[in-house]
Amino acid sequence: MRQKYQMIRDDAENILKIREYAIIDKNLKNVATSNLRETDFFLLYEEIYDSSFIESAIAGEENLIQALRTVNFFPVGDYAAELAEAVMDLYDSEEQCQTELFFDDATPTV
């Protein structure tokens, strides 16, 4: 499955939003990822965190991966590690307030 995660740091609201999108249209199965449009991705879930909670997890008071995972949002280990790294980069940057990660777990054909 091809997935996209969008992380948005909203300093005005003091929140972090993580949106999980996926390609669910079977007709797009053979379309190259580079040819996909924004409208091809379907929003599966959005999780909202308090920025102070995320900042304390980044500071080491709590594991960031554990902080990002919730009952409704539980990305697999590899994805969670990359999401945590992207969130840390987002909070380290004064200019950047949004980033996206793409994942494709399709088995390569031989």
N, C-alpha and C. Protein backbone atom coordinates (compact mmCIF):
# COMPACT_ATOMS: atom_id res chain seq x y z
N MET A 1 0.85 -1.17 0.00
CA MET A 1 0.00 0.00 0.00
C MET A 1 0.90 1.23 0.00
N ARG A 2 0.48 2.22 -0.73
CA ARG A 2 1.20 3.49 -0.75
C ARG A 2 0.51 4.45 0.21
N GLN A 3 1.32 5.00 1.10
CA GLN A 3 0.79 5.89 2.12
C GLN A 3 1.58 7.19 2.15
N LYS A 4 0.91 8.21 2.63
CA LYS A 4 1.55 9.51 2.80
C LYS A 4 1.16 10.00 4.19
N TYR A 5 2.14 10.53 4.89
CA TYR A 5 1.90 11.14 6.19
C TYR A 5 2.28 12.61 6.08
N GLN A 6 1.39 13.44 6.54
CA GLN A 6 1.62 14.89 6.51
C GLN A 6 1.68 15.36 7.96
N MET A 7 2.79 16.00 8.32
CA MET A 7 2.97 16.55 9.66
C MET A 7 2.93 18.07 9.57
N ILE A 8 2.06 18.67 10.38
CA ILE A 8 1.88 20.12 10.35
C ILE A 8 2.05 20.66 11.76
N ARG A 9 3.05 21.51 11.95
CA ARG A 9 3.24 22.18 13.24
C ARG A 9 2.54 23.53 13.16
N ASP A 10 1.54 23.71 13.98
CA ASP A 10 0.76 24.95 14.00
C ASP A 10 1.11 25.71 15.28
N ASP A 11 2.02 26.67 15.15
CA ASP A 11 2.48 27.42 16.32
C ASP A 11 1.40 28.34 16.88
N ALA A 12 0.50 28.83 16.05
CA ALA A 12 -0.58 29.70 16.52
C ALA A 12 -1.54 28.93 17.44
N GLU A 13 -1.82 27.69 17.09
CA GLU A 13 -2.72 26.86 17.88
C GLU A 13 -1.97 26.03 18.93
N ASN A 14 -0.63 26.00 18.82
CA ASN A 14 0.22 25.21 19.71
C ASN A 14 -0.09 23.71 19.61
N ILE A 15 -0.22 23.24 18.35
CA ILE A 15 -0.53 21.83 18.11
C ILE A 15 0.33 21.26 16.99
N LEU A 16 0.36 19.94 16.95
CA LEU A 16 0.94 19.19 15.84
C LEU A 16 -0.16 18.31 15.29
N LYS A 17 -0.34 18.35 13.97
CA LYS A 17 -1.31 17.48 13.31
C LYS A 17 -0.52 16.47 12.48
N ILE A 18 -0.92 15.23 12.57
CA ILE A 18 -0.39 14.20 11.69
C ILE A 18 -1.57 13.61 10.95
N ARG A 19 -1.51 13.70 9.63
CA ARG A 19 -2.56 13.16 8.77
C ARG A 19 -2.01 11.95 8.02
N GLU A 20 -2.78 10.89 8.02
CA GLU A 20 -2.40 9.67 7.32
C GLU A 20 -3.29 9.51 6.09
N TYR A 21 -2.66 9.41 4.93
CA TYR A 21 -3.36 9.25 3.66
C TYR A 21 -2.93 7.92 3.02
N ALA A 22 -3.78 7.39 2.16
CA ALA A 22 -3.42 6.17 1.42
C ALA A 22 -4.08 6.19 0.06
N ILE A 23 -3.51 5.42 -0.84
CA ILE A 23 -4.11 5.19 -2.14
C ILE A 23 -5.02 3.98 -1.96
N ILE A 24 -6.31 4.18 -2.15
CA ILE A 24 -7.24 3.07 -1.97
C ILE A 24 -7.93 2.65 -3.27
N ASP A 25 -7.73 3.42 -4.31
CA ASP A 25 -8.34 3.11 -5.61
C ASP A 25 -7.50 2.03 -6.30
N LYS A 26 -8.09 0.86 -6.51
CA LYS A 26 -7.35 -0.24 -7.13
C LYS A 26 -6.92 0.08 -8.56
N ASN A 27 -7.59 1.04 -9.21
CA ASN A 27 -7.21 1.42 -10.57
C ASN A 27 -5.89 2.18 -10.61
N LEU A 28 -5.42 2.63 -9.46
CA LEU A 28 -4.15 3.37 -9.40
C LEU A 28 -2.98 2.47 -9.01
N LYS A 29 -3.24 1.18 -8.91
CA LYS A 29 -2.22 0.23 -8.47
C LYS A 29 -0.95 0.28 -9.33
N ASN A 30 -1.11 0.39 -10.61
CA ASN A 30 0.05 0.36 -11.52
C ASN A 30 0.52 1.75 -11.94
N VAL A 31 -0.04 2.78 -11.35
CA VAL A 31 0.39 4.15 -11.65
C VAL A 31 1.65 4.45 -10.84
N ALA A 32 2.66 4.96 -11.50
CA ALA A 32 3.90 5.30 -10.81
C ALA A 32 3.62 6.37 -9.75
N THR A 33 4.30 6.24 -8.63
CA THR A 33 4.10 7.18 -7.52
C THR A 33 4.32 8.62 -7.97
N SER A 34 5.29 8.84 -8.84
CA SER A 34 5.58 10.19 -9.31
C SER A 34 4.43 10.77 -10.14
N ASN A 35 3.54 9.92 -10.65
CA ASN A 35 2.42 10.39 -11.46
C ASN A 35 1.12 10.57 -10.67
N LEU A 36 1.17 10.28 -9.38
CA LEU A 36 -0.02 10.43 -8.55
C LEU A 36 -0.28 11.89 -8.25
N ARG A 37 -1.56 12.23 -8.08
CA ARG A 37 -1.96 13.59 -7.74
C ARG A 37 -2.39 13.62 -6.28
N GLU A 38 -2.47 14.81 -5.72
CA GLU A 38 -2.93 14.98 -4.35
C GLU A 38 -4.31 14.35 -4.16
N THR A 39 -5.16 14.49 -5.15
CA THR A 39 -6.53 13.98 -5.05
C THR A 39 -6.61 12.46 -5.11
N ASP A 40 -5.51 11.79 -5.46
CA ASP A 40 -5.49 10.33 -5.48
C ASP A 40 -5.36 9.74 -4.08
N PHE A 41 -4.89 10.55 -3.14
CA PHE A 41 -4.71 10.09 -1.76
C PHE A 41 -5.98 10.34 -0.97
N PHE A 42 -6.38 9.37 -0.19
CA PHE A 42 -7.58 9.45 0.63
C PHE A 42 -7.18 9.62 2.09
N LEU A 43 -7.74 10.61 2.76
CA LEU A 43 -7.43 10.84 4.18
C LEU A 43 -8.02 9.71 5.01
N LEU A 44 -7.14 8.99 5.71
CA LEU A 44 -7.59 7.90 6.57
C LEU A 44 -7.83 8.36 8.00
N TYR A 45 -6.92 9.21 8.49
CA TYR A 45 -7.01 9.59 9.89
C TYR A 45 -6.18 10.84 10.14
N GLU A 46 -6.61 11.61 11.13
CA GLU A 46 -5.85 12.77 11.57
C GLU A 46 -5.75 12.72 13.09
N GLU A 47 -4.54 12.84 13.59
CA GLU A 47 -4.29 12.88 15.04
C GLU A 47 -3.75 14.26 15.37
N ILE A 48 -4.23 14.84 16.46
CA ILE A 48 -3.79 16.17 16.89
C ILE A 48 -3.16 16.05 18.27
N TYR A 49 -1.97 16.63 18.41
CA TYR A 49 -1.20 16.58 19.66
C TYR A 49 -0.95 18.00 20.16
N ASP A 50 -0.87 18.14 21.44
CA ASP A 50 -0.45 19.40 22.04
C ASP A 50 1.07 19.53 21.83
N SER A 51 1.52 20.67 21.35
CA SER A 51 2.94 20.86 21.06
C SER A 51 3.83 20.70 22.28
N SER A 52 3.36 21.12 23.43
CA SER A 52 4.19 20.99 24.64
C SER A 52 4.41 19.51 24.98
N PHE A 53 3.42 18.67 24.71
CA PHE A 53 3.57 17.22 24.91
C PHE A 53 4.63 16.66 23.97
N ILE A 54 4.58 17.07 22.71
CA ILE A 54 5.56 16.61 21.72
C ILE A 54 6.95 17.12 22.06
N GLU A 55 7.06 18.37 22.44
CA GLU A 55 8.36 18.94 22.80
C GLU A 55 8.97 18.23 24.00
N SER A 56 8.17 17.86 24.97
CA SER A 56 8.70 17.15 26.14
C SER A 56 9.14 15.74 25.74
N ALA A 57 8.42 15.10 24.81
CA ALA A 57 8.83 13.78 24.33
C ALA A 57 10.14 13.88 23.55
N ILE A 58 10.30 14.93 22.78
CA ILE A 58 11.55 15.13 22.03
C ILE A 58 12.71 15.36 23.00
N ALA A 59 12.45 16.08 24.09
CA ALA A 59 13.48 16.38 25.08
C ALA A 59 13.90 15.13 25.87
N GLY A 60 13.22 14.04 25.68
CA GLY A 60 13.62 12.80 26.32
C GLY A 60 12.79 12.41 27.53
N GLU A 61 11.80 13.21 27.87
CA GLU A 61 10.97 12.86 29.00
C GLU A 61 10.08 11.65 28.69
N GLU A 62 9.81 11.43 27.43
CA GLU A 62 9.04 10.27 27.00
C GLU A 62 9.51 9.92 25.60
N ASN A 63 9.50 8.65 25.27
CA ASN A 63 9.90 8.22 23.95
C ASN A 63 8.95 8.83 22.92
N LEU A 64 9.49 9.50 21.92
CA LEU A 64 8.65 10.19 20.93
C LEU A 64 7.77 9.22 20.15
N ILE A 65 8.29 8.07 19.82
CA ILE A 65 7.48 7.09 19.08
C ILE A 65 6.27 6.69 19.92
N GLN A 66 6.48 6.44 21.19
CA GLN A 66 5.36 6.09 22.07
C GLN A 66 4.38 7.26 22.19
N ALA A 67 4.91 8.46 22.20
CA ALA A 67 4.05 9.65 22.31
C ALA A 67 3.19 9.81 21.06
N LEU A 68 3.75 9.49 19.90
CA LEU A 68 3.00 9.66 18.64
C LEU A 68 1.94 8.59 18.46
N ARG A 69 2.18 7.41 19.00
CA ARG A 69 1.21 6.32 18.85
C ARG A 69 0.05 6.51 19.82
N THR A 70 -1.14 6.29 19.30
CA THR A 70 -2.35 6.39 20.11
C THR A 70 -3.20 5.15 19.84
N VAL A 71 -4.34 5.06 20.47
CA VAL A 71 -5.25 3.96 20.24
C VAL A 71 -5.68 3.90 18.78
N ASN A 72 -5.89 5.07 18.17
CA ASN A 72 -6.37 5.13 16.79
C ASN A 72 -5.27 5.33 15.75
N PHE A 73 -4.09 5.70 16.18
CA PHE A 73 -2.98 5.98 15.26
C PHE A 73 -1.77 5.19 15.74
N PHE A 74 -1.47 4.09 15.02
CA PHE A 74 -0.41 3.20 15.46
C PHE A 74 0.39 2.73 14.25
N PRO A 75 1.26 3.61 13.72
CA PRO A 75 2.06 3.20 12.55
C PRO A 75 3.06 2.10 12.93
N VAL A 76 3.37 1.25 11.96
CA VAL A 76 4.33 0.16 12.18
C VAL A 76 5.70 0.74 12.55
N GLY A 77 6.54 -0.09 13.14
CA GLY A 77 7.83 0.34 13.68
C GLY A 77 8.68 1.19 12.77
N ASP A 78 8.93 0.74 11.54
CA ASP A 78 9.78 1.49 10.62
C ASP A 78 9.18 2.85 10.29
N TYR A 79 7.88 2.86 10.05
CA TYR A 79 7.20 4.12 9.73
C TYR A 79 7.21 5.04 10.94
N ALA A 80 6.97 4.48 12.12
CA ALA A 80 6.93 5.29 13.34
C ALA A 80 8.28 5.95 13.60
N ALA A 81 9.37 5.23 13.35
CA ALA A 81 10.71 5.79 13.55
C ALA A 81 10.96 6.94 12.58
N GLU A 82 10.56 6.78 11.33
CA GLU A 82 10.75 7.86 10.36
C GLU A 82 9.85 9.05 10.66
N LEU A 83 8.63 8.77 11.12
CA LEU A 83 7.72 9.86 11.51
C LEU A 83 8.32 10.63 12.69
N ALA A 84 8.85 9.93 13.67
CA ALA A 84 9.44 10.58 14.83
C ALA A 84 10.62 11.45 14.42
N GLU A 85 11.44 10.95 13.52
CA GLU A 85 12.58 11.73 13.03
C GLU A 85 12.11 12.98 12.29
N ALA A 86 11.07 12.84 11.47
CA ALA A 86 10.53 13.99 10.74
C ALA A 86 9.94 15.02 11.70
N VAL A 87 9.27 14.55 12.75
CA VAL A 87 8.69 15.47 13.74
C VAL A 87 9.82 16.21 14.47
N MET A 88 10.88 15.51 14.82
CA MET A 88 12.02 16.17 15.47
C MET A 88 12.61 17.24 14.57
N ASP A 89 12.78 16.93 13.28
CA ASP A 89 13.29 17.91 12.33
C ASP A 89 12.35 19.11 12.22
N LEU A 90 11.07 18.85 12.24
CA LEU A 90 10.06 19.90 12.14
C LEU A 90 10.15 20.85 13.35
N TYR A 91 10.36 20.29 14.53
CA TYR A 91 10.45 21.11 15.73
C TYR A 91 11.82 21.76 15.89
N ASP A 92 12.84 21.23 15.20
CA ASP A 92 14.17 21.86 15.22
C ASP A 92 14.23 23.06 14.29
N SER A 93 13.35 23.11 13.31
CA SER A 93 13.36 24.18 12.31
C SER A 93 12.45 25.33 12.74
N GLU A 94 12.96 26.53 12.61
CA GLU A 94 12.14 27.70 12.91
C GLU A 94 11.30 28.09 11.69
N GLU A 95 11.77 27.75 10.50
CA GLU A 95 11.10 28.15 9.27
C GLU A 95 10.09 27.12 8.77
N GLN A 96 10.46 25.86 8.85
CA GLN A 96 9.61 24.80 8.30
C GLN A 96 8.49 24.48 9.29
N CYS A 97 7.25 24.42 8.79
CA CYS A 97 6.13 24.09 9.67
C CYS A 97 5.31 22.92 9.13
N GLN A 98 5.76 22.34 8.01
CA GLN A 98 5.04 21.22 7.42
C GLN A 98 6.01 20.32 6.67
N THR A 99 5.77 19.02 6.73
CA THR A 99 6.57 18.07 5.98
C THR A 99 5.72 16.85 5.65
N GLU A 100 6.15 16.09 4.66
CA GLU A 100 5.44 14.89 4.25
C GLU A 100 6.41 13.73 4.08
N LEU A 101 5.93 12.55 4.37
CA LEU A 101 6.68 11.32 4.14
C LEU A 101 5.83 10.40 3.28
N PHE A 102 6.46 9.70 2.36
CA PHE A 102 5.78 8.74 1.50
C PHE A 102 6.33 7.35 1.77
N PHE A 103 5.44 6.38 1.79
CA PHE A 103 5.84 4.98 1.99
C PHE A 103 5.14 4.12 0.97
N ASP A 104 5.86 3.13 0.44
CA ASP A 104 5.29 2.17 -0.50
C ASP A 104 5.77 0.79 -0.07
N ASP A 105 4.87 0.00 0.49
CA ASP A 105 5.26 -1.31 0.98
C ASP A 105 5.00 -2.42 -0.04
N ALA A 106 4.81 -2.03 -1.30
CA ALA A 106 4.57 -3.02 -2.36
C ALA A 106 5.79 -3.90 -2.53
N THR A 107 5.53 -5.17 -2.71
CA THR A 107 6.62 -6.13 -2.94
C THR A 107 7.12 -5.95 -4.37
N PRO A 108 8.43 -5.76 -4.54
CA PRO A 108 8.95 -5.60 -5.90
C PRO A 108 8.71 -6.87 -6.72
N THR A 109 8.36 -6.68 -7.96
CA THR A 109 8.15 -7.83 -8.84
C THR A 109 9.45 -8.20 -9.53
N VAL A 110 9.65 -9.51 -9.76
CA VAL A 110 10.88 -9.99 -10.39
C VAL A 110 10.60 -10.41 -11.80
